[in-house]
Amino acid sequence: MKIKLFAILLFAGLLSSGVYAQVPGSIDLNPPLSSFLYYTYTATNGLVYSEYVSPYPATITYGSQTNVQAYLTCLDVNNPTSVGATYTGTWQTNTAAYTTALKEASWLTDKLYGLTPQNVTNLNAIGPISLAIWYVMLPSSTQPTPAININAEALTLVNQASNAVANGYVADIIYFSPSNSASQRFMLNPPSTLAVPEPSQVAASLLLVSGIAGYVFFNRKKKLIA
């Protein structure tokens, strides 16, 4: 009984420590490059720039789920990632532990809900979202230079995301962290066909495990007293 109780408590401890928050996986941006959105804009400094912006078509794996077709949002503007190459790493699902920048990026990625390169009708509305995400995430990138130049629309989104997080926004988008930190991180655009446990489900599982552990402990104590 001691061994069983220890195993259950250890499992509960692992859950509470966030081990469940990392799921092995991979991403592969789908060719051809012509299927990606190319956004040209005038930045606040008056100069004209062009960038490939989200959503990006990709094939991903998430644990045992393989060859899943999905769309991604890039978090790091200067970190290189090649179309057609496979990148391994982990999916970060513990959204409660996100930094402020990741929470803001999640809020911004929420605005891409249901969008694909094929159904985007207004690139001028979509483009600033990527610019805003790169702007808030740049300080945590492994390659933070050169700085990202954003336009007025993106600056407005940055302020809106900051206000949303300050007012209690709860992050709900998981992201991919590559094994090679020099590569880009990506958030998984909603909705997705992945079977990803919701934070509430994880909490419920932890509560169940804790309840079992408590039952075993008190039942054993009751028998000893008897």
C-alpha atoms as a PDB file:
ATOM      1  CA  MET A   1       0.000   0.000   0.000  1.00  0.00           C
ATOM      2  CA  LYS A   2       2.871   2.366   0.751  1.00  0.00           C
ATOM      3  CA  ILE A   3       4.272   1.821  -2.745  1.00  0.00           C
ATOM      4  CA  LYS A   4       0.905   2.447  -4.375  1.00  0.00           C
ATOM      5  CA  LEU A   5       0.331   5.593  -2.351  1.00  0.00           C
ATOM      6  CA  PHE A   6       3.826   6.898  -3.149  1.00  0.00           C
ATOM      7  CA  ALA A   7       3.317   6.263  -6.877  1.00  0.00           C
ATOM      8  CA  ILE A   8       0.029   8.139  -6.906  1.00  0.00           C
ATOM      9  CA  LEU A   9       1.439  11.070  -4.974  1.00  0.00           C
ATOM     10  CA  LEU A  10       4.484  11.147  -7.256  1.00  0.00           C
ATOM     11  CA  PHE A  11       2.236  11.242 -10.313  1.00  0.00           C
ATOM     12  CA  ALA A  12       0.224  14.072  -8.785  1.00  0.00           C
ATOM     13  CA  GLY A  13       3.448  15.920  -8.063  1.00  0.00           C
ATOM     14  CA  LEU A  14       4.614  15.527 -11.640  1.00  0.00           C
ATOM     15  CA  LEU A  15       1.355  16.935 -12.919  1.00  0.00           C
ATOM     16  CA  SER A  16       1.452  19.889 -10.571  1.00  0.00           C
ATOM     17  CA  SER A  17       5.089  20.611 -11.475  1.00  0.00           C
ATOM     18  CA  GLY A  18       4.165  21.103 -15.121  1.00  0.00           C
ATOM     19  CA  VAL A  19       5.641  17.943 -16.674  1.00  0.00           C
ATOM     20  CA  TYR A  20       2.388  17.504 -18.589  1.00  0.00           C
ATOM     21  CA  ALA A  21       2.999  20.909 -20.186  1.00  0.00           C
ATOM     22  CA  GLN A  22       5.553  19.703 -22.735  1.00  0.00           C
ATOM     23  CA  VAL A  23       4.504  17.393 -25.556  1.00  0.00           C
ATOM     24  CA  PRO A  24       7.101  16.187 -28.091  1.00  0.00           C
ATOM     25  CA  GLY A  25       6.363  17.057 -31.690  1.00  0.00           C
ATOM     26  CA  SER A  26       7.521  18.589 -34.933  1.00  0.00           C
ATOM     27  CA  ILE A  27       6.524  21.111 -37.590  1.00  0.00           C
ATOM     28  CA  ASP A  28       7.033  21.238 -41.343  1.00  0.00           C
ATOM     29  CA  LEU A  29       5.976  24.374 -43.233  1.00  0.00           C
ATOM     30  CA  ASN A  30       4.224  23.184 -46.372  1.00  0.00           C
ATOM     31  CA  PRO A  31       5.577  24.222 -49.785  1.00  0.00           C
ATOM     32  CA  PRO A  32       5.193  25.997 -52.120  1.00  0.00           C
ATOM     33  CA  LEU A  33       6.257  29.397 -50.827  1.00  0.00           C
ATOM     34  CA  SER A  34       3.709  30.979 -53.193  1.00  0.00           C
ATOM     35  CA  SER A  35       0.960  29.705 -50.868  1.00  0.00           C
ATOM     36  CA  PHE A  36       2.155  32.070 -48.126  1.00  0.00           C
ATOM     37  CA  LEU A  37       0.823  35.592 -47.623  1.00  0.00           C
ATOM     38  CA  TYR A  38       3.182  38.432 -48.540  1.00  0.00           C
ATOM     39  CA  TYR A  39       2.396  41.726 -46.842  1.00  0.00           C
ATOM     40  CA  THR A  40       3.817  45.073 -47.985  1.00  0.00           C
ATOM     41  CA  TYR A  41       3.317  48.039 -45.679  1.00  0.00           C
ATOM     42  CA  THR A  42       4.527  51.491 -44.736  1.00  0.00           C
ATOM     43  CA  ALA A  43       6.022  51.509 -41.246  1.00  0.00           C
ATOM     44  CA  THR A  44       5.804  54.272 -38.673  1.00  0.00           C
ATOM     45  CA  ASN A  45       9.286  55.395 -39.770  1.00  0.00           C
ATOM     46  CA  GLY A  46       7.933  56.138 -43.259  1.00  0.00           C
ATOM     47  CA  LEU A  47       9.817  53.307 -44.996  1.00  0.00           C
ATOM     48  CA  VAL A  48       8.226  50.448 -46.945  1.00  0.00           C
ATOM     49  CA  TYR A  49       8.797  46.818 -45.907  1.00  0.00           C
ATOM     50  CA  SER A  50       7.520  43.389 -46.987  1.00  0.00           C
ATOM     51  CA  GLU A  51       7.127  40.234 -44.895  1.00  0.00           C
ATOM     52  CA  TYR A  52       5.555  36.784 -45.163  1.00  0.00           C
ATOM     53  CA  VAL A  53       2.813  36.824 -42.534  1.00  0.00           C
ATOM     54  CA  SER A  54       0.567  34.347 -40.710  1.00  0.00           C
ATOM     55  CA  PRO A  55      -1.263  32.074 -41.113  1.00  0.00           C
ATOM     56  CA  TYR A  56       1.372  29.610 -42.352  1.00  0.00           C
ATOM     57  CA  PRO A  57       0.245  26.203 -43.734  1.00  0.00           C
ATOM     58  CA  ALA A  58       2.070  23.320 -42.027  1.00  0.00           C
ATOM     59  CA  THR A  59       2.129  19.614 -41.274  1.00  0.00           C
ATOM     60  CA  ILE A  60       2.716  18.936 -37.595  1.00  0.00           C
ATOM     61  CA  THR A  61       3.034  16.137 -35.079  1.00  0.00           C
ATOM     62  CA  TYR A  62       1.833  16.352 -31.497  1.00  0.00           C
ATOM     63  CA  GLY A  63       2.793  13.372 -29.388  1.00  0.00           C
ATOM     64  CA  SER A  64       1.255  10.333 -31.112  1.00  0.00           C
ATOM     65  CA  GLN A  65      -0.800  12.506 -33.475  1.00  0.00           C
ATOM     66  CA  THR A  66       1.048  12.649 -36.796  1.00  0.00           C
ATOM     67  CA  ASN A  67       0.634  14.266 -40.223  1.00  0.00           C
ATOM     68  CA  VAL A  68      -1.847  16.806 -38.895  1.00  0.00           C
ATOM     69  CA  GLN A  69      -2.590  19.648 -41.314  1.00  0.00           C
ATOM     70  CA  ALA A  70      -2.621  22.925 -39.446  1.00  0.00           C
ATOM     71  CA  TYR A  71      -1.904  26.656 -39.647  1.00  0.00           C
ATOM     72  CA  LEU A  72       0.700  28.410 -37.554  1.00  0.00           C
ATOM     73  CA  THR A  73       1.613  31.885 -36.348  1.00  0.00           C
ATOM     74  CA  CYS A  74       5.300  32.808 -36.297  1.00  0.00           C
ATOM     75  CA  LEU A  75       6.633  34.277 -33.040  1.00  0.00           C
ATOM     76  CA  ASP A  76      10.202  35.175 -34.070  1.00  0.00           C
ATOM     77  CA  VAL A  77      10.734  37.412 -37.081  1.00  0.00           C
ATOM     78  CA  ASN A  78      14.540  37.064 -37.285  1.00  0.00           C
ATOM     79  CA  ASN A  79      14.940  33.364 -36.489  1.00  0.00           C
ATOM     80  CA  PRO A  80      15.220  31.333 -39.720  1.00  0.00           C
ATOM     81  CA  THR A  81      12.871  28.500 -40.689  1.00  0.00           C
ATOM     82  CA  SER A  82      12.851  26.927 -44.148  1.00  0.00           C
ATOM     83  CA  VAL A  83       9.739  25.817 -46.012  1.00  0.00           C
ATOM     84  CA  GLY A  84       9.757  22.044 -46.441  1.00  0.00           C
ATOM     85  CA  ALA A  85      12.239  21.359 -43.626  1.00  0.00           C
ATOM     86  CA  THR A  86      11.206  19.420 -40.528  1.00  0.00           C
ATOM     87  CA  TYR A  87      11.873  20.878 -37.088  1.00  0.00           C
ATOM     88  CA  THR A  88      11.571  18.822 -33.909  1.00  0.00           C
ATOM     89  CA  GLY A  89      10.858  20.188 -30.463  1.00  0.00           C
ATOM     90  CA  THR A  90       8.095  20.370 -27.881  1.00  0.00           C
ATOM     91  CA  TRP A  91       4.613  21.843 -27.723  1.00  0.00           C
ATOM     92  CA  GLN A  92       4.199  24.083 -24.695  1.00  0.00           C
ATOM     93  CA  THR A  93       0.663  23.691 -23.308  1.00  0.00           C
ATOM     94  CA  ASN A  94       0.916  25.161 -19.807  1.00  0.00           C
ATOM     95  CA  THR A  95      -0.665  28.470 -20.809  1.00  0.00           C
ATOM     96  CA  ALA A  96      -1.049  29.502 -17.171  1.00  0.00           C
ATOM     97  CA  ALA A  97       2.746  29.797 -16.939  1.00  0.00           C
ATOM     98  CA  TYR A  98       3.107  32.018 -20.027  1.00  0.00           C
ATOM     99  CA  THR A  99       5.054  35.248 -19.872  1.00  0.00           C
ATOM    100  CA  THR A 100       3.202  38.497 -20.497  1.00  0.00           C
ATOM    101  CA  ALA A 101       4.541  38.555 -24.065  1.00  0.00           C
ATOM    102  CA  LEU A 102       3.280  35.017 -24.754  1.00  0.00           C
ATOM    103  CA  LYS A 103      -0.130  35.920 -23.355  1.00  0.00           C
ATOM    104  CA  GLU A 104      -0.250  38.936 -25.639  1.00  0.00           C
ATOM    105  CA  ALA A 105       0.804  36.757 -28.578  1.00  0.00           C
ATOM    106  CA  SER A 106      -1.979  34.307 -27.703  1.00  0.00           C
ATOM    107  CA  TRP A 107      -4.527  37.127 -27.679  1.00  0.00           C
ATOM    108  CA  LEU A 108      -3.286  38.300 -31.067  1.00  0.00           C
ATOM    109  CA  THR A 109      -3.299  34.773 -32.501  1.00  0.00           C
ATOM    110  CA  ASP A 110      -6.919  34.414 -31.357  1.00  0.00           C
ATOM    111  CA  LYS A 111      -7.728  37.113 -33.916  1.00  0.00           C
ATOM    112  CA  LEU A 112      -6.680  34.696 -36.690  1.00  0.00           C
ATOM    113  CA  TYR A 113      -9.376  32.192 -35.680  1.00  0.00           C
ATOM    114  CA  GLY A 114     -10.412  30.049 -38.639  1.00  0.00           C
ATOM    115  CA  LEU A 115      -8.265  31.900 -41.173  1.00  0.00           C
ATOM    116  CA  THR A 116      -6.154  30.195 -43.846  1.00  0.00           C
ATOM    117  CA  PRO A 117      -4.140  31.779 -46.680  1.00  0.00           C
ATOM    118  CA  GLN A 118      -6.964  30.719 -48.994  1.00  0.00           C
ATOM    119  CA  ASN A 119      -9.781  32.520 -47.183  1.00  0.00           C
ATOM    120  CA  VAL A 120      -8.022  35.746 -46.182  1.00  0.00           C
ATOM    121  CA  THR A 121      -9.861  38.565 -47.925  1.00  0.00           C
ATOM    122  CA  ASN A 122      -8.147  41.562 -46.358  1.00  0.00           C
ATOM    123  CA  LEU A 123      -4.372  41.289 -46.097  1.00  0.00           C
ATOM    124  CA  ASN A 124      -4.201  44.787 -44.610  1.00  0.00           C
ATOM    125  CA  ALA A 125      -6.182  43.475 -41.629  1.00  0.00           C
ATOM    126  CA  ILE A 126      -4.158  40.277 -41.257  1.00  0.00           C
ATOM    127  CA  GLY A 127      -0.650  41.627 -41.815  1.00  0.00           C
ATOM    128  CA  PRO A 128      -0.532  43.920 -38.760  1.00  0.00           C
ATOM    129  CA  ILE A 129      -1.314  40.948 -36.484  1.00  0.00           C
ATOM    130  CA  SER A 130       1.986  39.278 -37.379  1.00  0.00           C
ATOM    131  CA  LEU A 131       3.844  42.564 -37.004  1.00  0.00           C
ATOM    132  CA  ALA A 132       2.350  43.081 -33.547  1.00  0.00           C
ATOM    133  CA  ILE A 133       3.269  39.533 -32.461  1.00  0.00           C
ATOM    134  CA  TRP A 134       6.858  39.917 -33.645  1.00  0.00           C
ATOM    135  CA  TYR A 135       7.083  43.232 -31.824  1.00  0.00           C
ATOM    136  CA  VAL A 136       5.966  41.850 -28.443  1.00  0.00           C
ATOM    137  CA  MET A 137       7.989  38.616 -28.796  1.00  0.00           C
ATOM    138  CA  LEU A 138      11.236  40.134 -30.101  1.00  0.00           C
ATOM    139  CA  PRO A 139      12.899  40.644 -26.688  1.00  0.00           C
ATOM    140  CA  SER A 140      12.643  36.888 -25.984  1.00  0.00           C
ATOM    141  CA  SER A 141      13.927  35.802 -29.410  1.00  0.00           C
ATOM    142  CA  THR A 142      17.390  34.292 -29.651  1.00  0.00           C
ATOM    143  CA  GLN A 143      18.020  36.702 -32.529  1.00  0.00           C
ATOM    144  CA  PRO A 144      16.432  40.007 -31.448  1.00  0.00           C
ATOM    145  CA  THR A 145      18.073  42.123 -34.139  1.00  0.00           C
ATOM    146  CA  PRO A 146      17.282  43.772 -36.415  1.00  0.00           C
ATOM    147  CA  ALA A 147      14.318  45.407 -34.732  1.00  0.00           C
ATOM    148  CA  ILE A 148      10.886  44.898 -36.275  1.00  0.00           C
ATOM    149  CA  ASN A 149       9.379  48.005 -37.846  1.00  0.00           C
ATOM    150  CA  ILE A 150       5.619  48.109 -37.417  1.00  0.00           C
ATOM    151  CA  ASN A 151       2.835  50.247 -38.828  1.00  0.00           C
ATOM    152  CA  ALA A 152       0.137  52.210 -37.039  1.00  0.00           C
ATOM    153  CA  GLU A 153      -2.365  49.330 -37.247  1.00  0.00           C
ATOM    154  CA  ALA A 154       0.090  46.943 -35.599  1.00  0.00           C
ATOM    155  CA  LEU A 155       0.887  49.469 -32.878  1.00  0.00           C
ATOM    156  CA  THR A 156      -2.819  49.706 -32.082  1.00  0.00           C
ATOM    157  CA  LEU A 157      -2.975  45.907 -31.793  1.00  0.00           C
ATOM    158  CA  VAL A 158       0.049  45.871 -29.476  1.00  0.00           C
ATOM    159  CA  ASN A 159      -1.727  48.294 -27.134  1.00  0.00           C
ATOM    160  CA  GLN A 160      -4.970  46.303 -27.300  1.00  0.00           C
ATOM    161  CA  ALA A 161      -3.159  43.050 -26.472  1.00  0.00           C
ATOM    162  CA  SER A 162      -1.392  44.689 -23.534  1.00  0.00           C
ATOM    163  CA  ASN A 163      -4.691  46.002 -22.164  1.00  0.00           C
ATOM    164  CA  ALA A 164      -6.397  42.617 -22.633  1.00  0.00           C
ATOM    165  CA  VAL A 165      -3.705  40.803 -20.632  1.00  0.00           C
ATOM    166  CA  ALA A 166      -3.691  43.495 -17.947  1.00  0.00           C
ATOM    167  CA  ASN A 167      -7.456  43.038 -17.624  1.00  0.00           C
ATOM    168  CA  GLY A 168      -7.257  39.284 -17.082  1.00  0.00           C
ATOM    169  CA  TYR A 169      -7.114  37.691 -20.523  1.00  0.00           C
ATOM    170  CA  VAL A 170      -6.436  33.952 -20.157  1.00  0.00           C
ATOM    171  CA  ALA A 171      -4.040  32.571 -22.797  1.00  0.00           C
ATOM    172  CA  ASP A 172      -5.473  29.632 -24.753  1.00  0.00           C
ATOM    173  CA  ILE A 173      -3.017  29.013 -27.613  1.00  0.00           C
ATOM    174  CA  ILE A 174      -0.269  26.382 -27.349  1.00  0.00           C
ATOM    175  CA  TYR A 175       3.085  27.020 -29.007  1.00  0.00           C
ATOM    176  CA  PHE A 176       5.949  25.042 -30.520  1.00  0.00           C
ATOM    177  CA  SER A 177       9.435  25.448 -29.070  1.00  0.00           C
ATOM    178  CA  PRO A 178      12.094  23.989 -31.436  1.00  0.00           C
ATOM    179  CA  SER A 179      14.999  21.912 -30.153  1.00  0.00           C
ATOM    180  CA  ASN A 180      17.271  24.323 -32.008  1.00  0.00           C
ATOM    181  CA  SER A 181      16.599  27.613 -30.236  1.00  0.00           C
ATOM    182  CA  ALA A 182      17.867  29.541 -33.256  1.00  0.00           C
ATOM    183  CA  SER A 183      14.773  28.420 -35.193  1.00  0.00           C
ATOM    184  CA  GLN A 184      11.370  30.068 -34.997  1.00  0.00           C
ATOM    185  CA  ARG A 185       8.728  29.393 -32.385  1.00  0.00           C
ATOM    186  CA  PHE A 186       5.153  29.024 -33.625  1.00  0.00           C
ATOM    187  CA  MET A 187       1.693  29.204 -32.104  1.00  0.00           C
ATOM    188  CA  LEU A 188      -0.989  26.805 -33.308  1.00  0.00           C
ATOM    189  CA  ASN A 189      -3.762  28.796 -34.927  1.00  0.00           C
ATOM    190  CA  PRO A 190      -7.310  28.090 -33.742  1.00  0.00           C
ATOM    191  CA  PRO A 191      -9.267  26.024 -34.375  1.00  0.00           C
ATOM    192  CA  SER A 192      -7.178  22.871 -34.700  1.00  0.00           C
ATOM    193  CA  THR A 193      -7.933  19.195 -35.090  1.00  0.00           C
ATOM    194  CA  LEU A 194      -5.434  18.252 -32.381  1.00  0.00           C
ATOM    195  CA  ALA A 195      -6.724  16.512 -29.273  1.00  0.00           C
ATOM    196  CA  VAL A 196      -5.142  18.990 -26.865  1.00  0.00           C
ATOM    197  CA  PRO A 197      -6.304  18.793 -23.227  1.00  0.00           C
ATOM    198  CA  GLU A 198      -7.872  22.026 -22.047  1.00  0.00           C
ATOM    199  CA  PRO A 199      -6.382  23.573 -18.878  1.00  0.00           C
ATOM    200  CA  SER A 200      -9.639  22.706 -17.113  1.00  0.00           C
ATOM    201  CA  GLN A 201      -9.255  19.060 -18.135  1.00  0.00           C
ATOM    202  CA  VAL A 202      -5.726  18.953 -16.780  1.00  0.00           C
ATOM    203  CA  ALA A 203      -6.914  20.513 -13.539  1.00  0.00           C
ATOM    204  CA  ALA A 204      -9.731  17.975 -13.332  1.00  0.00           C
ATOM    205  CA  SER A 205      -7.264  15.121 -13.848  1.00  0.00           C
ATOM    206  CA  LEU A 206      -5.038  16.490 -11.104  1.00  0.00           C
ATOM    207  CA  LEU A 207      -8.030  16.789  -8.793  1.00  0.00           C
ATOM    208  CA  LEU A 208      -9.017  13.196  -9.539  1.00  0.00           C
ATOM    209  CA  VAL A 209      -5.511  11.911  -8.836  1.00  0.00           C
ATOM    210  CA  SER A 210      -5.355  13.910  -5.615  1.00  0.00           C
ATOM    211  CA  GLY A 211      -8.729  12.511  -4.622  1.00  0.00           C
ATOM    212  CA  ILE A 212      -7.574   8.949  -5.216  1.00  0.00           C
ATOM    213  CA  ALA A 213      -4.421   9.575  -3.212  1.00  0.00           C
ATOM    214  CA  GLY A 214      -6.480  11.010  -0.366  1.00  0.00           C
ATOM    215  CA  TYR A 215      -8.890   8.072  -0.437  1.00  0.00           C
ATOM    216  CA  VAL A 216      -6.042   5.527  -0.306  1.00  0.00           C
ATOM    217  CA  PHE A 217      -4.361   7.382   2.544  1.00  0.00           C
ATOM    218  CA  PHE A 218      -7.431   7.737   4.726  1.00  0.00           C
ATOM    219  CA  ASN A 219      -8.694   4.234   3.938  1.00  0.00           C
ATOM    220  CA  ARG A 220      -5.332   2.805   5.019  1.00  0.00           C
ATOM    221  CA  LYS A 221      -5.382   4.972   8.162  1.00  0.00           C
ATOM    222  CA  LYS A 222      -8.898   3.765   8.943  1.00  0.00           C
ATOM    223  CA  LYS A 223      -7.814   0.118   8.666  1.00  0.00           C
ATOM    224  CA  LEU A 224      -4.837   0.725  10.962  1.00  0.00           C
ATOM    225  CA  ILE A 225      -7.087   2.303  13.594  1.00  0.00           C
ATOM    226  CA  ALA A 226      -9.572  -0.542  13.320  1.00  0.00           C
END
